[in-house]
Amino acid sequence: MSKDTILLYHAPQTRGTGIWFLLEELGVPYEMKILNLKKGENQEPEFLDINPLGKFPTLVHNGMVITEQVACYLYLADLFPEKGLAPGLNDPKRGAYLRWMAYQGSSFEPAVVDRALKREPGDPSIMPYRSFEQMQSTLFDQIAKAPYLLGEKPYAVDFFWGMTLKWCRQFGMVDTNPAVDAYIERIISRPAYINVEQQDQKLAEDQAAAQAETA
């Protein structure tokens, strides 16, 4: 494998699925190394040397390691500007694009995790998201304005949020509404998503079957 090959370390039905989806949307060459979470392969030294947290997504490209969902989406979309999935540095939409990318990790995910674990939020003045209700309404109000977060055209940030909201809706972690449900459907009805979802499900089933045979 050459140094400039994009390598995605992935385990089925993890946050890495969204990056796989983005790679398919970009239509660029890449390779994947599939790990089995249930066997603890993400905690083996070989992978921990690359990502000490043992988490997904994890990308390796040009000798660099890129982890964290936001960083992976930003990196890949900017790497291929000709694909049009990220506003350019001088595009008026760039600031909003970065805002909604960062919002997922800085406000949304902390709020959702606190709620799922039934942890009481602290003083709003020190919380990254103030309150769950404020965090959610801020996002949902933006989604209701147009087909996509920045208007009529989808960007990588929409693939990120479509995946995030689909997963959270599936597990009852957010209270969606018709506008949000329609937004999710616009993303998960894309051929690239359908293809990845089918393959990811097959990987999960194959890993489960293989583990059952050795149990």
Protein backbone atom coordinates (compact mmCIF):
# COMPACT_ATOMS: atom_id res chain seq x y z
CA MET A 1 0.00 0.00 0.00
CA SER A 2 1.43 3.36 -1.00
CA LYS A 3 1.83 6.24 1.42
CA ASP A 4 -0.85 8.33 -0.27
CA THR A 5 -3.49 5.59 -0.06
CA ILE A 6 -6.43 6.53 2.14
CA LEU A 7 -6.80 3.76 4.73
CA LEU A 8 -9.92 3.58 6.89
CA TYR A 9 -9.84 1.41 9.98
CA HIS A 10 -13.42 0.35 10.54
CA ALA A 11 -15.63 -1.84 12.66
CA PRO A 12 -19.23 -2.48 11.59
CA GLN A 13 -21.99 -0.31 13.03
CA THR A 14 -19.66 2.27 14.56
CA ARG A 15 -19.07 5.94 13.87
CA GLY A 16 -16.71 4.82 11.14
CA THR A 17 -19.70 3.93 8.96
CA GLY A 18 -20.29 7.62 8.28
CA ILE A 19 -16.76 8.10 6.99
CA TRP A 20 -17.15 5.06 4.76
CA PHE A 21 -20.33 6.70 3.43
CA LEU A 22 -18.44 9.94 2.78
CA LEU A 23 -15.67 8.09 0.91
CA GLU A 24 -18.30 6.50 -1.32
CA GLU A 25 -19.91 9.90 -1.93
CA LEU A 26 -16.51 11.32 -2.89
CA GLY A 27 -15.96 8.43 -5.28
CA VAL A 28 -12.22 8.26 -4.56
CA PRO A 29 -9.95 5.21 -4.10
CA TYR A 30 -9.47 3.98 -0.55
CA GLU A 31 -8.75 0.84 1.39
CA MET A 32 -10.32 -0.47 4.57
CA LYS A 33 -9.02 -2.61 7.38
CA ILE A 34 -11.94 -4.24 9.19
CA LEU A 35 -11.63 -4.91 12.92
CA ASN A 36 -13.93 -6.91 15.17
CA LEU A 37 -15.05 -5.02 18.25
CA LYS A 38 -16.51 -8.07 19.97
CA LYS A 39 -13.16 -9.81 19.71
CA GLY A 40 -11.44 -6.73 21.12
CA GLU A 41 -9.32 -6.21 18.02
CA ASN A 42 -9.56 -2.45 18.53
CA GLN A 43 -7.68 -2.90 21.81
CA GLU A 44 -4.78 -4.82 20.36
CA PRO A 45 -1.36 -3.10 20.36
CA GLU A 46 -1.21 -2.77 16.57
CA PHE A 47 -4.30 -0.57 16.49
CA LEU A 48 -3.63 1.22 19.78
CA ASP A 49 -0.28 2.33 18.37
CA ILE A 50 -2.30 4.18 15.72
CA ASN A 51 -5.22 5.36 17.86
CA PRO A 52 -4.62 4.98 21.61
CA LEU A 53 -8.36 5.32 22.30
CA GLY A 54 -9.13 2.31 20.13
CA LYS A 55 -12.00 4.22 18.52
CA PHE A 56 -13.51 4.67 15.07
CA PRO A 57 -13.28 6.35 12.67
CA THR A 58 -9.52 6.23 12.24
CA LEU A 59 -7.91 7.30 8.97
CA VAL A 60 -4.30 7.02 7.87
CA HIS A 61 -3.14 9.07 4.88
CA ASN A 62 0.25 10.38 3.79
CA GLY A 63 1.79 9.17 7.02
CA MET A 64 -0.75 11.06 9.12
CA VAL A 65 -3.34 9.67 11.49
CA ILE A 66 -6.71 11.41 11.53
CA THR A 67 -9.21 10.52 14.26
CA GLU A 68 -12.42 12.10 15.60
CA GLN A 69 -15.48 12.26 13.38
CA VAL A 70 -15.36 16.01 12.79
CA ALA A 71 -11.70 15.93 11.78
CA CYS A 72 -12.24 13.00 9.42
CA TYR A 73 -15.18 14.65 7.64
CA LEU A 74 -13.34 17.96 7.33
CA TYR A 75 -10.12 16.35 6.16
CA LEU A 76 -11.65 14.21 3.43
CA ALA A 77 -14.05 16.83 2.08
CA ASP A 78 -11.24 19.42 1.89
CA LEU A 79 -8.83 16.90 0.38
CA PHE A 80 -11.00 16.69 -2.74
CA PRO A 81 -12.31 20.23 -3.36
CA GLU A 82 -13.28 19.31 -6.91
CA LYS A 83 -16.01 17.04 -5.48
CA GLY A 84 -17.84 20.07 -4.09
CA LEU A 85 -18.66 18.60 -0.68
CA ALA A 86 -17.06 21.44 1.31
CA PRO A 87 -17.38 25.19 0.76
CA GLY A 88 -13.99 26.72 -0.12
CA LEU A 89 -12.08 28.96 2.28
CA ASN A 90 -13.44 32.10 0.63
CA ASP A 91 -16.97 30.80 0.20
CA PRO A 92 -19.50 32.77 2.31
CA LYS A 93 -20.90 29.43 3.51
CA ARG A 94 -17.58 28.27 4.95
CA GLY A 95 -18.19 29.70 8.41
CA ALA A 96 -21.60 28.09 8.76
CA TYR A 97 -20.18 24.83 7.43
CA LEU A 98 -17.50 24.81 10.14
CA ARG A 99 -20.01 25.86 12.78
CA TRP A 100 -22.34 22.94 12.16
CA MET A 101 -19.47 20.49 11.86
CA ALA A 102 -18.12 21.56 15.24
CA TYR A 103 -21.58 21.68 16.83
CA GLN A 104 -21.91 17.91 16.63
CA GLY A 105 -18.94 17.22 18.89
CA SER A 106 -18.92 20.34 21.04
CA SER A 107 -22.62 20.61 21.89
CA PHE A 108 -24.79 17.83 20.49
CA GLU A 109 -22.89 14.72 21.52
CA PRO A 110 -22.13 15.85 25.10
CA ALA A 111 -25.81 16.72 25.57
CA VAL A 112 -27.05 13.44 24.12
CA VAL A 113 -24.63 11.37 26.20
CA ASP A 114 -25.58 13.18 29.40
CA ARG A 115 -29.25 12.60 28.64
CA ALA A 116 -28.75 8.93 27.75
CA LEU A 117 -26.84 8.33 30.99
CA LYS A 118 -29.44 10.30 32.97
CA ARG A 119 -26.79 12.72 34.19
CA GLU A 120 -28.07 16.05 35.40
CA PRO A 121 -26.47 18.92 33.47
CA GLY A 122 -24.45 21.37 35.50
CA ASP A 123 -24.62 25.13 35.71
CA PRO A 124 -25.53 26.41 32.21
CA SER A 125 -22.70 28.93 32.41
CA ILE A 126 -20.14 26.12 32.32
CA MET A 127 -21.94 23.57 30.17
CA PRO A 128 -20.84 23.35 26.50
CA TYR A 129 -24.46 23.03 25.39
CA ARG A 130 -26.32 25.04 28.11
CA SER A 131 -29.39 22.75 28.11
CA PHE A 132 -30.47 19.78 26.02
CA GLU A 133 -33.60 21.61 24.88
CA GLN A 134 -31.67 24.69 23.76
CA MET A 135 -29.08 22.58 21.98
CA GLN A 136 -31.70 20.52 20.15
CA SER A 137 -33.94 23.42 19.15
CA THR A 138 -30.97 25.37 17.78
CA LEU A 139 -30.10 22.49 15.48
CA PHE A 140 -33.66 21.61 14.52
CA ASP A 141 -34.53 25.25 13.73
CA GLN A 142 -31.61 25.31 11.28
CA ILE A 143 -32.68 22.06 9.66
CA ALA A 144 -36.21 23.39 9.13
CA LYS A 145 -34.98 26.35 7.06
CA ALA A 146 -34.03 24.48 3.88
CA PRO A 147 -33.54 20.99 2.46
CA TYR A 148 -29.97 20.97 3.79
CA LEU A 149 -28.14 22.77 6.57
CA LEU A 150 -26.61 25.40 4.27
CA GLY A 151 -29.42 25.65 1.75
CA GLU A 152 -30.37 23.73 -1.37
CA LYS A 153 -27.11 21.80 -1.80
CA PRO A 154 -25.85 18.97 0.42
CA TYR A 155 -22.33 19.08 1.81
CA ALA A 156 -20.29 16.63 3.88
CA VAL A 157 -21.76 18.25 7.00
CA ASP A 158 -25.19 16.97 5.93
CA PHE A 159 -23.94 13.42 5.58
CA PHE A 160 -22.46 13.76 9.08
CA TRP A 161 -25.72 15.02 10.59
CA GLY A 162 -27.91 12.62 8.63
CA MET A 163 -25.95 9.69 10.04
CA THR A 164 -25.85 11.16 13.54
CA LEU A 165 -29.57 11.87 13.70
CA LYS A 166 -30.55 8.55 12.15
CA TRP A 167 -28.58 6.70 14.82
CA CYS A 168 -29.91 8.84 17.66
CA ARG A 169 -33.49 8.54 16.41
CA GLN A 170 -33.11 4.77 16.19
CA PHE A 171 -32.19 4.57 19.86
CA GLY A 172 -34.64 7.22 21.07
CA MET A 173 -31.88 9.64 22.01
CA VAL A 174 -33.45 12.67 20.30
CA ASP A 175 -37.01 13.82 19.80
CA THR A 176 -37.35 14.26 16.06
CA ASN A 177 -40.08 16.12 14.18
CA PRO A 178 -41.37 15.89 10.58
CA ALA A 179 -38.75 18.33 9.26
CA VAL A 180 -35.91 16.42 10.90
CA ASP A 181 -37.30 13.06 9.78
CA ALA A 182 -37.49 14.34 6.20
CA TYR A 183 -33.90 15.60 6.45
CA ILE A 184 -32.70 12.20 7.65
CA GLU A 185 -34.55 10.47 4.81
CA ARG A 186 -32.93 12.75 2.22
CA ILE A 187 -29.54 11.55 3.42
CA ILE A 188 -30.19 7.84 3.95
CA SER A 189 -31.99 7.49 0.61
CA ARG A 190 -28.79 8.33 -1.24
CA PRO A 191 -27.37 5.37 -3.21
CA ALA A 192 -23.97 5.67 -1.51
CA TYR A 193 -25.57 5.37 1.91
CA ILE A 194 -27.76 2.43 0.92
CA ASN A 195 -24.73 0.61 -0.51
CA VAL A 196 -22.63 1.20 2.60
CA GLU A 197 -25.44 0.29 4.99
CA GLN A 198 -25.99 -3.03 3.22
CA GLN A 199 -22.29 -3.87 3.25
CA ASP A 200 -21.90 -2.78 6.86
CA GLN A 201 -24.80 -4.97 7.92
CA LYS A 202 -23.26 -7.92 6.08
CA LEU A 203 -19.92 -7.34 7.82
CA ALA A 204 -21.67 -7.30 11.20
CA GLU A 205 -23.55 -10.51 10.41
CA ASP A 206 -20.40 -12.25 9.14
CA GLN A 207 -18.47 -11.28 12.27
CA ALA A 208 -21.29 -12.51 14.51
CA ALA A 209 -21.49 -15.81 12.63
CA ALA A 210 -17.75 -16.34 12.79
CA GLN A 211 -17.76 -15.67 16.52
CA ALA A 212 -20.64 -18.08 17.06
CA GLU A 213 -18.72 -20.82 15.29
CA THR A 214 -15.76 -20.42 17.64
CA ALA A 215 -17.81 -20.06 20.82
